[in-house]
Structure formats: C-alpha cells, structure tokens
C-alpha cells in the first residue's frame, strides 16, 4: 500500500537529497484555486534549492510518497479528500479512500520511505484548553517516535506554546532555532519563549542530525524552528485581536477538538483580509527552501 514516486525512489537510491512535504496544507489549509498553484511553488522551492520534493498523500487507498501532477491536482481540487493522521492511515487505505496527510502522517510515511527531512508550516501542539479537554496534537507523539527532522515556523500561534514546549522537552524531542534564540510563533517571529540551542546554517543543522546517528539518538524527530523575518511577520497587535475574536467565535459556534485549528486559521485568513494567508505561504516557501539545503548538507555529511 506504500507507493514511492520513481523520481523520489531514484533520488533516495542515488543518495540525492529529498524533502517530504505534507498535503493537508494543500487540501485544507489554502483556498482554492490558489492552493494548486502554491503547492507547485512549494515543490519548485525544494527543487531550486537542490533537492527532490516528495509531497505525501493517500490516493485511492495508496500511501503515495511523491505525487505526479494529476495526483497533486486531485488533492487540491477534489471534494472528497479527508484529513488523515497516522491513526487513520490503515482504515483509509483499506477503504480505498483519498486523504491529505497531517504532519504526523507525513512524518510516518516519510520515515517508511527513508526520507529524513520534512518541511511544513507550523506544528500542532497542546491546545489552550487542554487542561480540561486533554486536546493535544498527534504531531507531538509523532515527533517523539519518528526519526524525521521537521523544518517549521514553530507551533501554530493559536495553541498553548509554553505547554507545547514543555511536552516536547518531556518527550525528549530536540528543538533548535535557526538564526535565533527565540522560539518562533508561526505568524510571529518571536513567541516570547526561548530555544535551548541555536544554529545558523544548513550545515550546522546537518551536523546535528549526523551526530544523532553517531550517538544513537536519531530514534525521534527534531524540531528545526525557522522564524519569519521580523519585517514579514503579522503585526503582533493584529494577531492578538484576531486570536481573541477567533477564540470567542469558536466558542459561540461550539467548535471544539480537531475542528478548532482549521476554524481559527480560516478566521485569521478572512478577518485579516489575506494578511495571514500571505504570511502562511511565505512561511512554507521559506521552510521548503531551508529543508532542501539541510537535506543537501546532510547527504554531504553522511
């Protein structure tokens, strides 16, 4: 049930750099029809930086590591694409369904195919009301058990950032900042919290991953936190207004559980008149570029 695109399998066999990409952002995170164009731009960002892109999804029951253009178009335009996490993969595959993979599912399938580097926008984490709901993203458990480095802009700023960082520490997941001592907050350059370790180049990140192999600590993921430049972040005052109004709207609409994140992201995009959507796209493109450079540096280091 696992199919690897020939371009991707050929690159892996030849020890050329490959970067995994999630598909949920295509089907659920970006508006149509721009989502297909942006998905192609993300893949092109990986290629331009010297690596092979492997967008991951489930198509007609097959877990696909790397999508041809027809499959990419189907994920972007079909109405029956479901959001699939790791726990859903087997059921969806057995039912011959089509689904867009979350961070957790993408990491799992990337690791199965032998891909070490994954680029996304922002991670899931501990939700703000988790003390009463126990609502915590499967992304965290995946990071604790899957040997894939995830290049991201921190965790989504609508979540409980300090609680998420505490969980990552408890789970033994390394968190390193790229060119920063501050943990980024997705739309925000600085979440107000610090990282324990800073790196400044793709080569330094690759050296960390290579050292994990040597020391036997490569049995889990690594968070590579790549912040938006300060002049590209969403205005913090606007972000706070959107967050508070969005949380109130979610409560009024009785939105809960896994539906909260997509509801709030859509709220941000609509109420900011596209400001946060522009930032979101910029985040993913920057992370795709960095991930490709890290993948290339890791090939040279190993």
Protein backbone atom coordinates (compact mmCIF):
# COMPACT_ATOMS: atom_id res chain seq x y z
CA UNK A 1 0.00 0.00 0.00
CA UNK A 2 3.07 2.29 0.01
CA UNK A 3 3.98 3.72 -3.39
CA UNK A 4 7.09 5.84 -3.91
CA UNK A 5 7.20 8.07 -6.99
CA UNK A 6 10.02 6.86 -9.29
CA UNK A 7 11.74 10.26 -9.16
CA UNK A 8 11.80 10.05 -5.36
CA UNK A 9 12.90 6.41 -5.15
CA UNK A 10 15.61 7.09 -7.70
CA UNK A 11 16.91 10.04 -5.71
CA UNK A 12 16.94 8.02 -2.49
CA UNK A 13 18.74 5.12 -4.16
CA UNK A 14 21.35 7.51 -5.56
CA UNK A 15 21.75 9.26 -2.17
CA UNK A 16 20.49 12.56 -3.51
CA UNK A 17 18.64 14.95 -1.17
CA UNK A 18 14.86 14.52 -0.79
CA UNK A 19 12.40 16.65 1.20
CA UNK A 20 8.99 15.40 2.34
CA UNK A 21 6.03 17.79 2.10
CA UNK A 22 2.62 17.46 3.70
CA UNK A 23 -0.61 17.64 1.73
CA UNK A 24 -3.09 18.89 4.34
CA UNK A 25 -2.00 22.44 3.64
CA UNK A 26 -3.00 21.90 0.00
CA UNK A 27 -6.44 20.43 0.64
CA UNK A 28 -7.44 22.14 3.90
CA UNK A 29 -5.05 25.00 4.59
CA UNK A 30 -5.14 27.10 1.42
CA UNK A 31 -8.10 28.48 -0.55
CA UNK A 32 -9.00 27.22 -4.00
CA UNK A 33 -7.91 27.70 -6.74
CA UNK A 34 -4.68 29.20 -5.42
CA UNK A 35 -3.86 26.04 -3.46
CA UNK A 36 -2.74 24.07 -6.51
CA UNK A 37 -0.52 26.88 -7.78
CA UNK A 38 1.05 27.30 -4.34
CA UNK A 39 1.58 23.53 -3.99
CA UNK A 40 3.56 23.61 -7.22
CA UNK A 41 5.50 26.64 -5.98
CA UNK A 42 6.42 24.77 -2.78
CA UNK A 43 7.74 21.83 -4.79
CA UNK A 44 9.65 24.24 -7.04
CA UNK A 45 11.21 25.90 -3.97
CA UNK A 46 12.61 22.50 -2.98
CA UNK A 47 13.93 21.85 -6.50
CA UNK A 48 15.51 25.30 -6.77
CA UNK A 49 17.44 24.68 -3.57
CA UNK A 50 18.84 21.39 -4.88
CA UNK A 51 16.56 18.63 -3.59
CA UNK A 52 13.73 16.41 -4.85
CA UNK A 53 10.26 17.18 -3.41
CA UNK A 54 8.11 14.32 -2.12
CA UNK A 55 4.59 15.55 -1.40
CA UNK A 56 2.81 12.83 0.56
CA UNK A 57 -0.87 11.84 0.46
CA UNK A 58 -3.17 8.82 0.28
CA UNK A 59 -4.67 8.40 -3.21
CA UNK A 60 -7.29 5.71 -3.89
CA UNK A 61 -6.01 3.65 -0.97
CA UNK A 62 -2.32 4.01 -1.82
CA UNK A 63 0.01 5.87 0.51
CA UNK A 64 1.98 7.91 -2.02
CA UNK A 65 5.39 9.33 -1.24
CA UNK A 66 5.69 11.82 -4.05
CA UNK A 67 2.77 12.87 -6.25
CA UNK A 68 2.64 13.28 -10.01
CA UNK A 69 0.78 16.34 -11.28
CA UNK A 70 -2.53 14.50 -11.71
CA UNK A 71 -2.45 13.29 -8.09
CA UNK A 72 -1.41 16.72 -6.84
CA UNK A 73 -4.33 18.26 -8.74
CA UNK A 74 -6.73 15.71 -7.27
CA UNK A 75 -5.64 16.51 -3.72
CA UNK A 76 -6.07 20.23 -4.42
CA UNK A 77 -9.43 20.12 -6.18
CA UNK A 78 -11.41 17.03 -5.10
CA UNK A 79 -14.21 17.45 -2.59
CA UNK A 80 -13.81 14.01 -1.01
CA UNK A 81 -10.26 14.47 0.32
CA UNK A 82 -10.22 13.80 4.06
CA UNK A 83 -7.65 14.96 6.59
CA UNK A 84 -5.71 11.88 7.66
CA UNK A 85 -3.44 11.44 10.69
CA UNK A 86 -1.31 8.39 11.45
CA UNK A 87 -4.08 6.52 13.23
CA UNK A 88 -6.36 6.90 10.20
CA UNK A 89 -3.93 5.67 7.55
CA UNK A 90 -4.77 1.97 7.61
CA UNK A 91 -8.54 2.47 7.69
CA UNK A 92 -8.46 4.96 4.82
CA UNK A 93 -6.16 2.72 2.77
CA UNK A 94 -8.32 -0.36 3.36
CA UNK A 95 -11.39 1.61 2.20
CA UNK A 96 -9.52 2.80 -0.93
CA UNK A 97 -10.03 6.40 0.12
CA UNK A 98 -8.14 9.59 -0.64
CA UNK A 99 -6.68 11.76 2.09
CA UNK A 100 -4.31 14.61 2.75
CA UNK A 101 -1.69 13.78 5.37
CA UNK A 102 -1.10 15.79 8.54
CA UNK A 103 2.35 16.44 9.99
CA UNK A 104 2.13 13.18 11.95
CA UNK A 105 1.06 11.03 8.99
CA UNK A 106 3.51 12.72 6.64
CA UNK A 107 6.39 12.12 9.06
CA UNK A 108 5.42 8.47 9.45
CA UNK A 109 5.27 7.79 5.72
CA UNK A 110 8.42 9.80 5.04
CA UNK A 111 10.30 7.68 7.57
CA UNK A 112 8.93 4.49 6.00
CA UNK A 113 10.34 5.61 2.66
CA UNK A 114 13.71 6.58 4.14
CA UNK A 115 13.31 10.38 4.00
CA UNK A 116 14.95 12.27 6.87
CA UNK A 117 13.88 15.89 6.23
CA UNK A 118 10.34 17.29 6.17
CA UNK A 119 9.19 20.87 5.56
CA UNK A 120 5.87 22.24 6.80
CA UNK A 121 4.36 25.50 8.02
CA UNK A 122 3.65 25.19 11.74
CA UNK A 123 3.39 22.23 14.08
CA UNK A 124 0.38 21.20 16.08
CA UNK A 125 0.73 21.08 19.83
CA UNK A 126 -1.07 21.44 23.13
CA UNK A 127 -4.37 23.32 22.81
CA UNK A 128 -5.19 26.23 25.08
CA UNK A 129 -7.93 24.38 26.91
CA UNK A 130 -6.02 21.10 27.18
CA UNK A 131 -6.23 21.06 30.98
CA UNK A 132 -9.92 20.27 30.66
CA UNK A 133 -10.10 18.63 27.22
CA UNK A 134 -6.77 16.75 27.03
CA UNK A 135 -6.59 18.07 23.47
CA UNK A 136 -3.07 17.58 22.17
CA UNK A 137 -1.96 17.18 18.57
CA UNK A 138 -0.72 13.81 17.35
CA UNK A 139 2.22 15.77 15.91
CA UNK A 140 3.90 15.65 19.33
CA UNK A 141 3.72 11.87 19.68
CA UNK A 142 4.94 11.53 16.12
CA UNK A 143 7.96 13.70 16.88
CA UNK A 144 8.73 11.52 19.88
CA UNK A 145 8.83 8.32 17.84
CA UNK A 146 9.67 9.18 14.22
CA UNK A 147 13.25 9.90 13.03
CA UNK A 148 12.42 12.85 10.79
CA UNK A 149 13.65 16.43 11.22
CA UNK A 150 10.76 18.87 10.75
CA UNK A 151 11.57 22.33 9.44
CA UNK A 152 8.77 24.61 10.63
CA UNK A 153 7.98 28.09 11.93
CA UNK A 154 7.40 26.76 15.45
CA UNK A 155 3.95 25.72 16.55
CA UNK A 156 0.78 27.44 15.43
CA UNK A 157 0.37 30.60 17.47
CA UNK A 158 -3.27 29.76 18.28
CA UNK A 159 -2.00 26.97 20.58
CA UNK A 160 -0.55 26.91 24.10
CA UNK A 161 3.08 27.50 23.17
CA UNK A 162 4.74 27.10 26.61
CA UNK A 163 2.80 23.89 27.31
CA UNK A 164 3.82 22.55 23.89
CA UNK A 165 7.48 23.30 24.54
CA UNK A 166 7.21 21.56 27.91
CA UNK A 167 5.71 18.48 26.26
CA UNK A 168 8.48 18.41 23.66
CA UNK A 169 11.04 18.52 26.45
CA UNK A 170 9.28 15.69 28.31
CA UNK A 171 9.17 13.62 25.13
CA UNK A 172 12.88 14.18 24.54
CA UNK A 173 12.42 15.99 21.22
CA UNK A 174 15.29 18.37 20.37
CA UNK A 175 14.25 21.93 19.49
CA UNK A 176 16.77 24.13 17.69
CA UNK A 177 16.34 27.69 16.45
CA UNK A 178 17.65 28.76 13.05
CA UNK A 179 19.43 32.09 13.35
CA UNK A 180 17.53 32.88 16.52
CA UNK A 181 17.49 32.32 20.28
CA UNK A 182 13.71 32.80 20.31
CA UNK A 183 11.15 30.11 19.55
CA UNK A 184 9.06 31.39 16.63
CA UNK A 185 5.28 31.65 16.89
CA UNK A 186 4.27 30.76 13.33
CA UNK A 187 2.83 34.13 12.19
CA UNK A 188 5.08 35.80 14.77
CA UNK A 189 8.87 35.94 14.66
CA UNK A 190 9.11 35.51 18.43
CA UNK A 191 6.59 33.59 20.54
CA UNK A 192 8.02 35.07 23.72
CA UNK A 193 9.78 31.83 24.62
CA UNK A 194 13.37 30.72 24.13
CA UNK A 195 15.11 27.80 22.46
CA UNK A 196 17.91 25.93 24.19
CA UNK A 197 20.05 25.65 21.06
CA UNK A 198 20.73 27.89 18.10
CA UNK A 199 22.18 27.05 14.68
CA UNK A 200 22.91 29.47 11.86
CA UNK A 201 23.48 27.41 8.71
CA UNK A 202 22.08 24.32 6.97
CA UNK A 203 25.48 22.68 7.52
CA UNK A 204 25.17 23.12 11.28
CA UNK A 205 21.72 21.54 11.24
CA UNK A 206 23.03 18.63 9.17
CA UNK A 207 25.92 18.21 11.63
CA UNK A 208 23.40 17.86 14.48
CA UNK A 209 21.46 15.20 12.57
CA UNK A 210 24.64 13.33 11.66
CA UNK A 211 25.72 13.41 15.32
CA UNK A 212 22.36 11.92 16.29
CA UNK A 213 23.15 8.97 14.04
CA UNK A 214 26.56 8.51 15.63
CA UNK A 215 25.25 8.76 19.20
CA UNK A 216 22.15 6.62 18.75
CA UNK A 217 19.66 9.45 19.41
CA UNK A 218 18.16 9.50 15.90
CA UNK A 219 15.15 7.46 17.01
CA UNK A 220 12.93 10.55 17.26
CA UNK A 221 12.22 13.76 15.42
CA UNK A 222 13.92 17.13 15.66
CA UNK A 223 12.15 20.47 15.54
CA UNK A 224 14.07 22.89 13.32
CA UNK A 225 12.41 26.22 14.14
CA UNK A 226 12.82 28.69 11.28
CA UNK A 227 11.22 32.09 12.06
CA UNK A 228 9.77 34.59 9.66
CA UNK A 229 11.96 37.71 9.46
CA UNK A 230 10.58 40.45 11.70
CA UNK A 231 9.61 42.60 8.73
CA UNK A 232 7.49 39.76 7.29
CA UNK A 233 5.62 38.71 10.42
CA UNK A 234 1.96 39.53 11.09
CA UNK A 235 1.65 42.66 13.19
CA UNK A 236 1.55 41.37 16.80
CA UNK A 237 -1.32 43.71 17.76
CA UNK A 238 -3.39 42.48 14.80
CA UNK A 239 -2.51 38.89 15.68
CA UNK A 240 -3.75 39.33 19.25
CA UNK A 241 -7.04 40.87 18.09
CA UNK A 242 -7.60 38.05 15.62
CA UNK A 243 -6.77 35.42 18.21
CA UNK A 244 -9.15 36.74 20.84
CA UNK A 245 -12.02 37.30 18.41
CA UNK A 246 -11.41 33.90 16.80
CA UNK A 247 -11.44 32.06 20.13
CA UNK A 248 -14.69 33.82 21.06
CA UNK A 249 -16.22 32.93 17.68
CA UNK A 250 -15.19 29.28 18.06
CA UNK A 251 -16.85 29.10 21.47
CA UNK A 252 -20.02 30.75 20.21
CA UNK A 253 -20.14 28.33 17.27
CA UNK A 254 -19.49 25.34 19.57
CA UNK A 255 -16.35 24.39 17.64
CA UNK A 256 -14.13 22.01 19.59
CA UNK A 257 -11.46 19.33 19.30
CA UNK A 258 -9.67 18.86 15.99
CA UNK A 259 -12.02 21.37 14.32
CA UNK A 260 -10.65 24.32 16.33
CA UNK A 261 -7.38 24.72 14.41
CA UNK A 262 -8.87 24.86 10.88
CA UNK A 263 -11.66 27.13 12.18
CA UNK A 264 -9.18 29.60 13.66
CA UNK A 265 -6.85 29.53 10.65
CA UNK A 266 -9.80 30.28 8.36
CA UNK A 267 -10.89 33.04 10.75
CA UNK A 268 -7.43 34.58 10.65
CA UNK A 269 -7.32 34.49 6.85
CA UNK A 270 -10.78 36.04 6.42
CA UNK A 271 -10.65 38.63 9.16
CA UNK A 272 -7.16 39.81 8.25
CA UNK A 273 -8.24 40.17 4.60
CA UNK A 274 -5.48 37.84 3.46
CA UNK A 275 -2.62 39.19 5.56
CA UNK A 276 -2.16 35.94 7.47
CA UNK A 277 -2.61 33.86 4.32
CA UNK A 278 0.27 35.72 2.69
CA UNK A 279 2.39 35.08 5.78
CA UNK A 280 1.40 31.40 5.78
CA UNK A 281 2.52 30.92 2.17
CA UNK A 282 5.76 32.76 2.83
CA UNK A 283 6.44 30.52 5.84
CA UNK A 284 6.02 27.31 3.86
CA UNK A 285 8.15 28.51 0.94
CA UNK A 286 10.98 29.58 3.27
CA UNK A 287 10.84 26.28 5.13
CA UNK A 288 10.86 24.28 1.88
CA UNK A 289 13.97 26.16 0.76
CA UNK A 290 15.76 25.62 4.08
CA UNK A 291 14.78 21.94 4.27
CA UNK A 292 16.23 21.34 0.80
CA UNK A 293 19.51 22.96 1.81
CA UNK A 294 19.63 20.89 5.01
CA UNK A 295 18.90 17.69 3.03
CA UNK A 296 21.74 18.51 0.64
CA UNK A 297 24.12 19.26 3.52
CA UNK A 298 23.12 16.00 5.26
CA UNK A 299 23.92 13.96 2.14
CA UNK A 300 27.37 15.53 2.13
CA UNK A 301 27.85 14.93 5.86
CA UNK A 302 26.96 11.24 5.92
